[in-house]
Amino acid sequence: MIFIIICCLLLIASCKQNNSVVIIETDFGVIGVELYEENAPITCGNFIKYLKENRFKGASFYRTVTNNNQLEDSIKIAVIQGGLYEENHPSLLPPIIHENTAQTNIKHLNGVISMARYEPGTATFEFFICIGDQPDLDYGGKRNPDGEGFAAFGRVIYGMDVVNTIHKQPEHNQYLTPKIPILGMEPE
């Protein structure tokens, strides 16, 4: 565990000084995520507020989208999704303004973290991490009919092996069985 913490601290030191780093702890290991606050200030601010106010308590990774479990979709993606998995959760804050990839210039590349949403302007506390490059999640992409894409706001800098392990866990209709608890989620 000390080795992991030292590795995380070294990676954090190598990041841009203006960017926050969030450590996500699971039974499979630690994921370090650098937040691109300058490019996506609203989305990062929302995510950090959930963290600082301990609103992610009880969060988990609960969904994995793979080539094998989206047979009905013509546009395939690969992601793991996490959050509180409850629409009217007591920790819910108001939805945020949608910062699309045309505005932020953060593309959905391997390891990018982004906000899940229904319509633009409905994102709250559900997020996902890309496995591989996912251009159809960007502005103008075809995964959503509105073409607005999703609000990418950071990238995994440590622990993609953990993300990939979670992505391969047993699932039923895209939902992990069982969910992978997020044991800790804190900004550095």
N, C-alpha and C. Protein backbone atom coordinates (compact mmCIF):
# COMPACT_ATOMS: atom_id res chain seq x y z
N MET A 1 0.83 -1.20 0.00
CA MET A 1 0.00 0.00 0.00
C MET A 1 0.87 1.26 0.00
N ILE A 2 1.95 1.23 0.76
CA ILE A 2 2.84 2.39 0.81
C ILE A 2 3.45 2.63 -0.57
N PHE A 3 3.79 1.54 -1.29
CA PHE A 3 4.34 1.68 -2.64
C PHE A 3 3.35 2.38 -3.55
N ILE A 4 2.08 2.01 -3.45
CA ILE A 4 1.04 2.64 -4.28
C ILE A 4 0.93 4.12 -3.95
N ILE A 5 0.95 4.46 -2.69
CA ILE A 5 0.85 5.86 -2.28
C ILE A 5 2.04 6.65 -2.80
N ILE A 6 3.24 6.08 -2.71
CA ILE A 6 4.44 6.77 -3.21
C ILE A 6 4.33 6.98 -4.72
N CYS A 7 3.87 5.95 -5.45
CA CYS A 7 3.69 6.08 -6.90
C CYS A 7 2.69 7.18 -7.23
N CYS A 8 1.59 7.21 -6.47
CA CYS A 8 0.57 8.25 -6.68
C CYS A 8 1.16 9.64 -6.44
N LEU A 9 1.92 9.79 -5.38
CA LEU A 9 2.51 11.10 -5.07
C LEU A 9 3.49 11.53 -6.16
N LEU A 10 4.27 10.60 -6.68
CA LEU A 10 5.20 10.93 -7.77
C LEU A 10 4.45 11.35 -9.02
N LEU A 11 3.36 10.66 -9.32
CA LEU A 11 2.56 11.04 -10.49
C LEU A 11 1.90 12.39 -10.29
N ILE A 12 1.43 12.62 -9.10
CA ILE A 12 0.80 13.91 -8.78
C ILE A 12 1.81 15.04 -8.98
N ALA A 13 3.03 14.83 -8.53
CA ALA A 13 4.06 15.87 -8.67
C ALA A 13 4.37 16.15 -10.13
N SER A 14 4.18 15.16 -11.00
CA SER A 14 4.48 15.37 -12.41
C SER A 14 3.35 16.04 -13.18
N CYS A 15 2.19 16.19 -12.56
CA CYS A 15 1.05 16.83 -13.23
C CYS A 15 1.23 18.34 -13.24
N LYS A 16 0.45 18.99 -14.10
CA LYS A 16 0.46 20.45 -14.09
C LYS A 16 0.08 20.91 -12.69
N GLN A 17 0.74 21.95 -12.21
CA GLN A 17 0.49 22.40 -10.85
C GLN A 17 -0.93 22.92 -10.66
N ASN A 18 -1.56 23.42 -11.69
CA ASN A 18 -2.90 23.97 -11.56
C ASN A 18 -3.98 22.91 -11.46
N ASN A 19 -3.68 21.68 -11.83
CA ASN A 19 -4.69 20.64 -11.88
C ASN A 19 -4.76 19.84 -10.59
N SER A 20 -5.99 19.60 -10.14
CA SER A 20 -6.21 18.75 -8.97
C SER A 20 -6.09 17.30 -9.40
N VAL A 21 -5.75 16.46 -8.45
CA VAL A 21 -5.73 15.02 -8.67
C VAL A 21 -6.65 14.38 -7.65
N VAL A 22 -7.46 13.44 -8.13
CA VAL A 22 -8.38 12.70 -7.26
C VAL A 22 -7.94 11.25 -7.24
N ILE A 23 -7.89 10.68 -6.05
CA ILE A 23 -7.53 9.29 -5.87
C ILE A 23 -8.83 8.51 -5.60
N ILE A 24 -9.09 7.50 -6.42
CA ILE A 24 -10.26 6.64 -6.27
C ILE A 24 -9.76 5.26 -5.83
N GLU A 25 -10.19 4.84 -4.65
CA GLU A 25 -9.70 3.58 -4.08
C GLU A 25 -10.77 2.50 -4.19
N THR A 26 -10.38 1.32 -4.73
CA THR A 26 -11.28 0.17 -4.84
C THR A 26 -10.56 -1.07 -4.31
N ASP A 27 -11.28 -2.17 -4.20
CA ASP A 27 -10.67 -3.44 -3.81
C ASP A 27 -9.67 -3.93 -4.84
N PHE A 28 -9.79 -3.46 -6.08
CA PHE A 28 -8.89 -3.87 -7.16
C PHE A 28 -7.64 -3.00 -7.23
N GLY A 29 -7.60 -1.89 -6.48
CA GLY A 29 -6.46 -1.00 -6.49
C GLY A 29 -6.90 0.45 -6.57
N VAL A 30 -5.92 1.31 -6.82
CA VAL A 30 -6.12 2.76 -6.80
C VAL A 30 -6.08 3.32 -8.21
N ILE A 31 -6.98 4.27 -8.46
CA ILE A 31 -7.03 5.00 -9.73
C ILE A 31 -6.76 6.47 -9.42
N GLY A 32 -5.75 7.06 -10.06
CA GLY A 32 -5.46 8.48 -9.91
C GLY A 32 -5.97 9.23 -11.13
N VAL A 33 -6.76 10.27 -10.90
CA VAL A 33 -7.37 11.04 -11.99
C VAL A 33 -6.96 12.50 -11.88
N GLU A 34 -6.37 13.02 -12.93
CA GLU A 34 -6.04 14.45 -13.00
C GLU A 34 -7.24 15.18 -13.59
N LEU A 35 -7.67 16.26 -12.92
CA LEU A 35 -8.81 17.05 -13.38
C LEU A 35 -8.32 18.26 -14.16
N TYR A 36 -8.92 18.52 -15.30
CA TYR A 36 -8.54 19.63 -16.17
C TYR A 36 -9.42 20.85 -15.87
N GLU A 37 -9.15 21.45 -14.72
CA GLU A 37 -10.00 22.54 -14.22
C GLU A 37 -10.00 23.77 -15.11
N GLU A 38 -8.90 24.05 -15.76
CA GLU A 38 -8.84 25.22 -16.63
C GLU A 38 -9.72 25.03 -17.86
N ASN A 39 -9.76 23.83 -18.40
CA ASN A 39 -10.55 23.55 -19.61
C ASN A 39 -12.03 23.33 -19.30
N ALA A 40 -12.33 22.69 -18.17
CA ALA A 40 -13.71 22.33 -17.83
C ALA A 40 -14.02 22.79 -16.40
N PRO A 41 -14.06 24.09 -16.16
CA PRO A 41 -14.20 24.59 -14.78
C PRO A 41 -15.53 24.24 -14.12
N ILE A 42 -16.61 24.24 -14.86
CA ILE A 42 -17.92 23.94 -14.26
C ILE A 42 -18.00 22.47 -13.87
N THR A 43 -17.61 21.60 -14.78
CA THR A 43 -17.69 20.17 -14.52
C THR A 43 -16.73 19.76 -13.41
N CYS A 44 -15.50 20.25 -13.45
CA CYS A 44 -14.53 19.95 -12.39
C CYS A 44 -15.00 20.51 -11.05
N GLY A 45 -15.51 21.72 -11.05
CA GLY A 45 -16.01 22.33 -9.82
C GLY A 45 -17.11 21.52 -9.18
N ASN A 46 -18.01 21.00 -10.00
CA ASN A 46 -19.10 20.16 -9.52
C ASN A 46 -18.55 18.87 -8.91
N PHE A 47 -17.63 18.22 -9.61
CA PHE A 47 -17.04 16.96 -9.14
C PHE A 47 -16.31 17.18 -7.82
N ILE A 48 -15.54 18.25 -7.73
CA ILE A 48 -14.79 18.56 -6.51
C ILE A 48 -15.74 18.89 -5.35
N LYS A 49 -16.84 19.57 -5.65
CA LYS A 49 -17.81 19.88 -4.59
C LYS A 49 -18.40 18.59 -4.01
N TYR A 50 -18.74 17.63 -4.88
CA TYR A 50 -19.24 16.34 -4.38
C TYR A 50 -18.20 15.68 -3.49
N LEU A 51 -16.93 15.77 -3.89
CA LEU A 51 -15.86 15.16 -3.10
C LEU A 51 -15.70 15.84 -1.74
N LYS A 52 -15.56 17.17 -1.77
CA LYS A 52 -15.28 17.92 -0.54
C LYS A 52 -16.43 17.86 0.46
N GLU A 53 -17.65 17.73 -0.05
CA GLU A 53 -18.82 17.66 0.83
C GLU A 53 -19.19 16.21 1.16
N ASN A 54 -18.30 15.27 0.82
CA ASN A 54 -18.49 13.84 1.11
C ASN A 54 -19.80 13.30 0.53
N ARG A 55 -20.20 13.81 -0.62
CA ARG A 55 -21.45 13.39 -1.25
C ARG A 55 -21.32 12.09 -2.04
N PHE A 56 -20.10 11.61 -2.26
CA PHE A 56 -19.89 10.33 -2.95
C PHE A 56 -19.89 9.15 -1.99
N LYS A 57 -20.24 9.37 -0.74
CA LYS A 57 -20.27 8.28 0.24
C LYS A 57 -21.24 7.20 -0.26
N GLY A 58 -20.75 5.96 -0.32
CA GLY A 58 -21.57 4.85 -0.81
C GLY A 58 -21.52 4.66 -2.31
N ALA A 59 -20.67 5.43 -3.00
CA ALA A 59 -20.57 5.31 -4.46
C ALA A 59 -19.92 3.99 -4.85
N SER A 60 -20.13 3.60 -6.10
CA SER A 60 -19.55 2.37 -6.62
C SER A 60 -19.37 2.50 -8.13
N PHE A 61 -18.57 1.60 -8.67
CA PHE A 61 -18.59 1.37 -10.11
C PHE A 61 -19.65 0.29 -10.29
N TYR A 62 -20.67 0.60 -11.08
CA TYR A 62 -21.82 -0.30 -11.19
C TYR A 62 -22.14 -0.73 -12.62
N ARG A 63 -21.45 -0.16 -13.60
CA ARG A 63 -21.78 -0.47 -14.99
C ARG A 63 -20.52 -0.63 -15.82
N THR A 64 -20.53 -1.61 -16.70
CA THR A 64 -19.45 -1.81 -17.65
C THR A 64 -20.06 -2.00 -19.03
N VAL A 65 -19.61 -1.21 -19.98
CA VAL A 65 -20.11 -1.30 -21.35
C VAL A 65 -19.00 -1.87 -22.21
N THR A 66 -19.27 -3.01 -22.83
CA THR A 66 -18.29 -3.71 -23.65
C THR A 66 -18.88 -4.01 -25.02
N ASN A 67 -18.06 -4.46 -25.94
CA ASN A 67 -18.57 -4.84 -27.27
C ASN A 67 -19.60 -5.96 -27.18
N ASN A 68 -19.50 -6.80 -26.18
CA ASN A 68 -20.38 -7.96 -26.07
C ASN A 68 -21.73 -7.69 -25.41
N ASN A 69 -21.90 -6.53 -24.77
CA ASN A 69 -23.17 -6.31 -24.05
C ASN A 69 -23.97 -5.11 -24.56
N GLN A 70 -23.69 -4.70 -25.78
CA GLN A 70 -24.48 -3.61 -26.38
C GLN A 70 -24.87 -3.98 -27.81
N LEU A 71 -25.41 -5.18 -27.93
CA LEU A 71 -25.73 -5.73 -29.25
C LEU A 71 -26.75 -4.89 -30.01
N GLU A 72 -27.63 -4.23 -29.30
CA GLU A 72 -28.68 -3.42 -29.94
C GLU A 72 -28.16 -2.06 -30.44
N ASP A 73 -27.01 -1.62 -29.93
CA ASP A 73 -26.48 -0.30 -30.30
C ASP A 73 -25.62 -0.38 -31.55
N SER A 74 -25.89 0.51 -32.49
CA SER A 74 -25.07 0.55 -33.71
C SER A 74 -23.74 1.26 -33.46
N ILE A 75 -23.70 2.16 -32.48
CA ILE A 75 -22.48 2.86 -32.10
C ILE A 75 -21.97 2.24 -30.80
N LYS A 76 -20.87 1.52 -30.89
CA LYS A 76 -20.31 0.80 -29.74
C LYS A 76 -19.33 1.70 -28.98
N ILE A 77 -19.33 1.56 -27.66
CA ILE A 77 -18.38 2.27 -26.80
C ILE A 77 -17.82 1.28 -25.78
N ALA A 78 -16.79 1.68 -25.07
CA ALA A 78 -16.23 0.88 -23.98
C ALA A 78 -15.93 1.82 -22.81
N VAL A 79 -16.68 1.65 -21.71
CA VAL A 79 -16.53 2.50 -20.53
C VAL A 79 -16.88 1.71 -19.27
N ILE A 80 -16.42 2.23 -18.13
CA ILE A 80 -16.98 1.81 -16.85
C ILE A 80 -17.65 3.05 -16.25
N GLN A 81 -18.77 2.84 -15.58
CA GLN A 81 -19.51 3.96 -15.03
C GLN A 81 -19.61 3.83 -13.52
N GLY A 82 -19.48 4.96 -12.85
CA GLY A 82 -19.58 4.98 -11.40
C GLY A 82 -20.40 6.15 -10.91
N GLY A 83 -20.67 6.13 -9.64
CA GLY A 83 -21.45 7.19 -9.01
C GLY A 83 -22.33 6.60 -7.93
N LEU A 84 -23.44 7.24 -7.68
CA LEU A 84 -24.34 6.83 -6.60
C LEU A 84 -25.51 5.96 -7.06
N TYR A 85 -25.72 5.85 -8.36
CA TYR A 85 -26.70 4.93 -8.95
C TYR A 85 -28.10 5.08 -8.35
N GLU A 86 -28.53 6.29 -8.17
CA GLU A 86 -29.87 6.52 -7.64
C GLU A 86 -30.29 7.92 -8.10
N GLU A 87 -31.37 8.00 -8.85
CA GLU A 87 -31.75 9.29 -9.45
C GLU A 87 -32.04 10.38 -8.43
N ASN A 88 -32.71 10.05 -7.36
CA ASN A 88 -33.09 11.07 -6.36
C ASN A 88 -32.32 10.86 -5.05
N HIS A 89 -31.06 10.59 -5.16
CA HIS A 89 -30.21 10.35 -3.99
C HIS A 89 -30.20 11.59 -3.09
N PRO A 90 -30.16 11.41 -1.77
CA PRO A 90 -30.13 12.56 -0.86
C PRO A 90 -28.91 13.48 -1.06
N SER A 91 -27.83 12.97 -1.64
CA SER A 91 -26.62 13.78 -1.87
C SER A 91 -26.67 14.58 -3.16
N LEU A 92 -27.74 14.46 -3.90
CA LEU A 92 -27.87 15.11 -5.20
C LEU A 92 -27.82 16.63 -5.10
N LEU A 93 -26.97 17.22 -5.95
CA LEU A 93 -26.93 18.68 -6.13
C LEU A 93 -27.63 19.00 -7.44
N PRO A 94 -27.98 20.27 -7.69
CA PRO A 94 -28.62 20.62 -8.97
C PRO A 94 -27.71 20.26 -10.15
N PRO A 95 -28.32 19.90 -11.30
CA PRO A 95 -27.53 19.59 -12.49
C PRO A 95 -26.70 20.80 -12.94
N ILE A 96 -25.66 20.51 -13.71
CA ILE A 96 -24.74 21.56 -14.15
C ILE A 96 -24.87 21.83 -15.64
N ILE A 97 -24.39 22.99 -16.04
CA ILE A 97 -24.34 23.36 -17.45
C ILE A 97 -23.42 22.40 -18.18
N HIS A 98 -23.81 22.01 -19.37
CA HIS A 98 -23.04 21.05 -20.18
C HIS A 98 -21.85 21.73 -20.84
N GLU A 99 -20.64 21.25 -20.53
CA GLU A 99 -19.42 21.72 -21.19
C GLU A 99 -19.00 20.64 -22.19
N ASN A 100 -19.32 20.85 -23.47
CA ASN A 100 -19.01 19.80 -24.44
C ASN A 100 -17.55 19.86 -24.87
N THR A 101 -17.12 18.86 -25.61
CA THR A 101 -15.72 18.75 -25.99
C THR A 101 -15.28 19.81 -26.98
N ALA A 102 -16.22 20.40 -27.71
CA ALA A 102 -15.86 21.51 -28.60
C ALA A 102 -15.46 22.74 -27.78
N GLN A 103 -16.06 22.90 -26.59
CA GLN A 103 -15.74 24.02 -25.71
C GLN A 103 -14.47 23.76 -24.89
N THR A 104 -14.30 22.53 -24.43
CA THR A 104 -13.20 22.23 -23.51
C THR A 104 -11.95 21.71 -24.21
N ASN A 105 -12.12 21.19 -25.39
CA ASN A 105 -11.02 20.57 -26.15
C ASN A 105 -10.45 19.34 -25.44
N ILE A 106 -11.25 18.69 -24.61
CA ILE A 106 -10.86 17.44 -23.96
C ILE A 106 -11.61 16.32 -24.68
N LYS A 107 -10.91 15.55 -25.46
CA LYS A 107 -11.53 14.47 -26.23
C LYS A 107 -11.65 13.21 -25.38
N HIS A 108 -12.57 12.37 -25.75
CA HIS A 108 -12.79 11.10 -25.05
C HIS A 108 -11.78 10.06 -25.53
N LEU A 109 -10.57 10.17 -24.98
CA LEU A 109 -9.48 9.25 -25.29
C LEU A 109 -9.38 8.21 -24.18
N ASN A 110 -8.53 7.23 -24.38
CA ASN A 110 -8.33 6.19 -23.37
C ASN A 110 -8.02 6.82 -22.01
N GLY A 111 -8.78 6.43 -20.99
CA GLY A 111 -8.56 6.92 -19.63
C GLY A 111 -9.25 8.23 -19.29
N VAL A 112 -9.93 8.85 -20.22
CA VAL A 112 -10.60 10.12 -19.93
C VAL A 112 -11.83 9.87 -19.06
N ILE A 113 -12.02 10.75 -18.07
CA ILE A 113 -13.21 10.69 -17.21
C ILE A 113 -14.19 11.75 -17.69
N SER A 114 -15.47 11.41 -17.68
CA SER A 114 -16.49 12.27 -18.24
C SER A 114 -17.78 12.09 -17.44
N MET A 115 -18.70 13.03 -17.59
CA MET A 115 -19.97 12.97 -16.87
C MET A 115 -21.03 12.25 -17.69
N ALA A 116 -21.76 11.35 -17.03
CA ALA A 116 -22.92 10.72 -17.65
C ALA A 116 -24.07 11.73 -17.60
N ARG A 117 -24.99 11.60 -18.54
CA ARG A 117 -26.13 12.52 -18.58
C ARG A 117 -27.26 11.92 -19.41
N TYR A 118 -28.42 12.53 -19.30
CA TYR A 118 -29.52 12.21 -20.21
C TYR A 118 -29.53 13.26 -21.32
N GLU A 119 -29.96 14.44 -21.00
CA GLU A 119 -29.96 15.57 -21.93
C GLU A 119 -28.82 16.51 -21.54
N PRO A 120 -28.39 17.40 -22.45
CA PRO A 120 -27.39 18.40 -22.04
C PRO A 120 -27.92 19.23 -20.86
N GLY A 121 -27.07 19.40 -19.86
CA GLY A 121 -27.49 20.17 -18.69
C GLY A 121 -28.16 19.33 -17.61
N THR A 122 -28.02 17.99 -17.67
CA THR A 122 -28.63 17.13 -16.64
C THR A 122 -27.60 16.37 -15.81
N ALA A 123 -26.30 16.58 -16.05
CA ALA A 123 -25.27 15.84 -15.32
C ALA A 123 -25.24 16.26 -13.86
N THR A 124 -25.03 15.28 -12.98
CA THR A 124 -24.95 15.54 -11.55
C THR A 124 -23.74 14.81 -10.96
N PHE A 125 -23.91 13.53 -10.57
CA PHE A 125 -22.83 12.80 -9.89
C PHE A 125 -22.44 11.49 -10.56
N GLU A 126 -22.99 11.16 -11.70
CA GLU A 126 -22.64 9.93 -12.40
C GLU A 126 -21.51 10.23 -13.39
N PHE A 127 -20.47 9.41 -13.39
CA PHE A 127 -19.31 9.64 -14.25
C PHE A 127 -18.90 8.32 -14.89
N PHE A 128 -18.09 8.41 -15.94
CA PHE A 128 -17.56 7.21 -16.56
C PHE A 128 -16.13 7.43 -17.00
N ILE A 129 -15.40 6.33 -17.17
CA ILE A 129 -14.02 6.35 -17.63
C ILE A 129 -13.94 5.56 -18.93
N CYS A 130 -13.33 6.16 -19.95
CA CYS A 130 -13.21 5.53 -21.26
C CYS A 130 -12.14 4.45 -21.27
N ILE A 131 -12.45 3.35 -21.92
CA ILE A 131 -11.48 2.31 -22.20
C ILE A 131 -11.25 2.36 -23.70
N GLY A 132 -10.08 2.83 -24.09
CA GLY A 132 -9.80 3.08 -25.50
C GLY A 132 -10.36 4.43 -25.91
N ASP A 133 -10.02 4.88 -27.11
CA ASP A 133 -10.52 6.15 -27.63
C ASP A 133 -11.98 6.01 -28.02
N GLN A 134 -12.80 6.99 -27.65
CA GLN A 134 -14.25 6.94 -27.87
C GLN A 134 -14.74 8.23 -28.55
N PRO A 135 -14.38 8.46 -29.82
CA PRO A 135 -14.76 9.71 -30.50
C PRO A 135 -16.26 9.92 -30.64
N ASP A 136 -17.05 8.86 -30.59
CA ASP A 136 -18.50 9.03 -30.69
C ASP A 136 -19.12 9.61 -29.43
N LEU A 137 -18.32 9.82 -28.39
CA LEU A 137 -18.79 10.47 -27.17
C LEU A 137 -18.45 11.97 -27.17
N ASP A 138 -17.67 12.40 -28.17
CA ASP A 138 -17.31 13.82 -28.30
C ASP A 138 -18.45 14.61 -28.94
N TYR A 139 -18.32 15.94 -28.89
CA TYR A 139 -19.26 16.82 -29.59
C TYR A 139 -19.30 16.41 -31.06
N GLY A 140 -20.50 16.25 -31.60
CA GLY A 140 -20.67 15.80 -32.98
C GLY A 140 -20.64 14.29 -33.14
N GLY A 141 -20.36 13.58 -32.06
CA GLY A 141 -20.34 12.11 -32.10
C GLY A 141 -21.75 11.57 -32.23
N LYS A 142 -21.84 10.29 -32.54
CA LYS A 142 -23.13 9.70 -32.87
C LYS A 142 -23.75 8.88 -31.74
N ARG A 143 -23.12 8.80 -30.58
CA ARG A 143 -23.68 7.98 -29.50
C ARG A 143 -24.98 8.59 -28.98
N ASN A 144 -25.07 9.92 -28.89
CA ASN A 144 -26.31 10.61 -28.49
C ASN A 144 -26.92 11.30 -29.69
N PRO A 145 -28.22 11.17 -29.88
CA PRO A 145 -28.85 11.81 -31.05
C PRO A 145 -28.74 13.33 -31.07
N ASP A 146 -28.55 13.98 -29.90
CA ASP A 146 -28.46 15.45 -29.87
C ASP A 146 -27.11 15.96 -30.38
N GLY A 147 -26.11 15.07 -30.52
CA GLY A 147 -24.80 15.47 -31.07
C GLY A 147 -23.94 16.30 -30.13
N GLU A 148 -24.41 16.54 -28.91
CA GLU A 148 -23.67 17.37 -27.96
C GLU A 148 -22.56 16.61 -27.24
N GLY A 149 -22.57 15.30 -27.33
CA GLY A 149 -21.54 14.51 -26.66
C GLY A 149 -21.64 14.62 -25.16
N PHE A 150 -20.56 14.23 -24.49
CA PHE A 150 -20.51 14.23 -23.04
C PHE A 150 -19.45 15.21 -22.56
N ALA A 151 -19.48 15.53 -21.28
CA ALA A 151 -18.58 16.53 -20.70
C ALA A 151 -17.35 15.85 -20.10
N ALA A 152 -16.30 15.71 -20.89
CA ALA A 152 -15.03 15.17 -20.42
C ALA A 152 -14.36 16.22 -19.54
N PHE A 153 -13.69 15.77 -18.45
CA PHE A 153 -13.11 16.77 -17.54
C PHE A 153 -11.79 16.36 -16.90
N GLY A 154 -11.22 15.23 -17.28
CA GLY A 154 -9.95 14.80 -16.72
C GLY A 154 -9.49 13.51 -17.34
N ARG A 155 -8.42 12.95 -16.77
CA ARG A 155 -7.86 11.72 -17.34
C ARG A 155 -7.13 10.91 -16.27
N VAL A 156 -7.24 9.60 -16.38
CA VAL A 156 -6.54 8.69 -15.48
C VAL A 156 -5.04 8.84 -15.71
N ILE A 157 -4.30 9.10 -14.63
CA ILE A 157 -2.83 9.19 -14.72
C ILE A 157 -2.16 8.02 -14.04
N TYR A 158 -2.94 7.25 -13.31
CA TYR A 158 -2.43 6.07 -12.63
C TYR A 158 -3.59 5.12 -12.41
N GLY A 159 -3.37 3.83 -12.71
CA GLY A 159 -4.39 2.83 -12.40
C GLY A 159 -5.27 2.40 -13.56
N MET A 160 -4.83 2.58 -14.80
CA MET A 160 -5.63 2.08 -15.91
C MET A 160 -5.75 0.56 -15.84
N ASP A 161 -4.79 -0.12 -15.22
CA ASP A 161 -4.91 -1.57 -15.03
C ASP A 161 -6.12 -1.87 -14.15
N VAL A 162 -6.39 -1.02 -13.16
CA VAL A 162 -7.56 -1.19 -12.29
C VAL A 162 -8.84 -0.95 -13.09
N VAL A 163 -8.86 0.11 -13.91
CA VAL A 163 -10.01 0.41 -14.77
C VAL A 163 -10.30 -0.79 -15.68
N ASN A 164 -9.25 -1.33 -16.31
CA ASN A 164 -9.43 -2.47 -17.21
C ASN A 164 -9.92 -3.71 -16.48
N THR A 165 -9.45 -3.91 -15.25
CA THR A 165 -9.92 -5.05 -14.45
C THR A 165 -11.40 -4.90 -14.15
N ILE A 166 -11.83 -3.71 -13.74
CA ILE A 166 -13.25 -3.47 -13.46
C ILE A 166 -14.07 -3.69 -14.72
N HIS A 167 -13.56 -3.24 -15.86
CA HIS A 167 -14.26 -3.38 -17.14
C HIS A 167 -14.55 -4.84 -17.48
N LYS A 168 -13.71 -5.75 -17.00
CA LYS A 168 -13.84 -7.18 -17.35
C LYS A 168 -14.60 -7.99 -16.29
N GLN A 169 -15.14 -7.35 -15.28
CA GLN A 169 -15.85 -8.07 -14.23
C GLN A 169 -17.20 -8.58 -14.73
N PRO A 170 -17.75 -9.61 -14.06
CA PRO A 170 -19.05 -10.16 -14.47
C PRO A 170 -20.14 -9.09 -14.46
N GLU A 171 -21.01 -9.18 -15.44
CA GLU A 171 -22.11 -8.21 -15.55
C GLU A 171 -23.35 -8.90 -16.10
N HIS A 172 -24.47 -8.24 -15.91
CA HIS A 172 -25.73 -8.67 -16.51
C HIS A 172 -26.41 -7.43 -17.08
N ASN A 173 -26.62 -7.42 -18.38
CA ASN A 173 -27.23 -6.26 -19.06
C ASN A 173 -26.47 -4.97 -18.76
N GLN A 174 -25.15 -5.04 -18.76
CA GLN A 174 -24.22 -3.94 -18.54
C GLN A 174 -24.01 -3.57 -17.07
N TYR A 175 -24.75 -4.16 -16.16
CA TYR A 175 -24.63 -3.80 -14.75
C TYR A 175 -23.77 -4.84 -14.03
N LEU A 176 -22.71 -4.35 -13.37
CA LEU A 176 -21.77 -5.22 -12.69
C LEU A 176 -22.45 -6.05 -11.61
N THR A 177 -22.08 -7.33 -11.55
CA THR A 177 -22.64 -8.23 -10.55
C THR A 177 -21.51 -8.92 -9.80
N PRO A 178 -21.13 -8.43 -8.65
CA PRO A 178 -21.72 -7.31 -7.90
C PRO A 178 -21.09 -5.98 -8.31
N LYS A 179 -21.69 -4.91 -7.78
CA LYS A 179 -21.09 -3.58 -7.95
C LYS A 179 -19.72 -3.57 -7.28
N ILE A 180 -18.83 -2.68 -7.77
CA ILE A 180 -17.49 -2.54 -7.19
C ILE A 180 -17.52 -1.29 -6.29
N PRO A 181 -17.51 -1.48 -4.97
CA PRO A 181 -17.56 -0.31 -4.07
C PRO A 181 -16.35 0.62 -4.25
N ILE A 182 -16.61 1.90 -4.19
CA ILE A 182 -15.55 2.90 -4.14
C ILE A 182 -15.27 3.13 -2.65
N LEU A 183 -14.13 2.64 -2.20
CA LEU A 183 -13.79 2.66 -0.77
C LEU A 183 -13.38 4.05 -0.28
N GLY A 184 -12.83 4.82 -1.20
CA GLY A 184 -12.41 6.18 -0.87
C GLY A 184 -12.26 6.97 -2.16
N MET A 185 -12.54 8.25 -2.06
CA MET A 185 -12.48 9.12 -3.23
C MET A 185 -12.15 10.50 -2.70
N GLU A 186 -10.88 10.89 -2.84
CA GLU A 186 -10.47 12.14 -2.21
C GLU A 186 -9.55 12.94 -3.11
N PRO A 187 -9.68 14.27 -3.06
CA PRO A 187 -8.73 15.10 -3.79
C PRO A 187 -7.40 15.15 -3.04
N GLU A 188 -6.32 15.26 -3.79
CA GLU A 188 -5.01 15.42 -3.16
C GLU A 188 -4.73 16.89 -2.95
